[in-house]
């Protein structure tokens, strides 16, 4: 199993007598309790948009940083970011460089740890307009369990929507688009889309501004630096992904209809119907599936309906890994529920990410019938689809689907047909640079 470490105010982390990290599992309480009493949120009507021109599709760990750097470096007016987890210093430096060129940076962050507080304060000190998210982490207004979205608006014209946070593993520092084998940094599997659309960028800016307003209504003070950072230390992947995928720019030959998918606004109003209508295939990458939670039962029932209507339907799901030994029995029960109630069997329909190649599968991807694509931040949990602030994009385009499908097939081919359980404990000599990875809480806990 991994080591779980809590670090407070820069103190040594779980050190033994001679300065070596203790190799044992330590239970650490959740940083921010996510069962707070929520204020009433009024759901928005979510319009669709027509997009023309180029669409960029990208994925972590291969290309997310390269795409992000390219777009941030080209920004001339503004960068607006709504994100759940921000601990990657190399992204902070991109924003500092942008501000030094006169670009206005606005950040809404679900503050949940000392390092996030540090990033928030540093950017604010340097001139960024920073607001805590109105989630259970807020000291002011709690409208969402978690503000778990990951969207970025650049120059009020470009919109980026992705599954990955600004953590070292969701956006690892692979400078070359597609990565270089010799210097490749491992990370999570995540995916994203970039589109140029002033109307859609304006819409996401309005969502951002409305959430800022929710937080600042009656606000007295910003949160202080009171929380610890919780993270895992575990053995680094020994291999790189079997295929490395650079980003792909797709030039649209006809207008593309794009439907934003937001929680808590319209995910459950839209996605079950899309899934149930599948006729050929449903391909999913999800961090986890909570098979007994009510809204997830609705989504799984939609898959079952599609399979009943189309007995040859190709349904395949790749899930993230199990981080803690105590979660193994829960996942075994989850697999039993998926098999007995929904006919989704381990090995045939469900596999687990290859831990020798990826730190984790943090993705939230749905591909339908060779043209439907949902790239989003929603995990398959009740909170994610009905109580969090989340964001995604649904579209139908065979070339965009094809890009993500190639990555899915590559990941499926190496994924495990068995539930392996939690990672092995580390020997002290393994906790050295290059042999272990540090995974922040935002990448592994349930939201």
Foldseek 3Di string as FASTA:
>chain_A
DWAKWWDDPNDDICADPVRFHDFDHDDDDAQFDLPDDADDDDFDDFDKDKFAWKKKKAKPPFAPQQVVLVQLVPFDEEKEWEAEDAQAVVVLVSVLVSVVNVYAYEYEYQDGALSVVVSQVVVVVSPHHYAYFQDSSWPAHHHFSTQHFTWMQGPLFKIKGKQAGNDCARYPPQNDQLHDQVPDDFHAIMIMMMGTHNVVSVVVVVVVVVRRCRRPVVDDDGDDRDTIWIWTKDFAQQHAQPGGDGMDMDHDPDIWMKTKAKPPHPPLVPQLVVLLPFAAEKEWEFQDAPCPADSSVSNLVSNLNNCVVHVNYHAAYEYKAAADQVCVVVVVVVQVSCCPVRNQHQLRHYFYFDRNHHVIHSFTWIDGDQFWIKGWNAHNDCSRHYGYTIIIMITGGNVSSVSVVVVSVSRVVRTHSDRPGHHDTDDSVQPDPPTIDIGTPSRRDDD
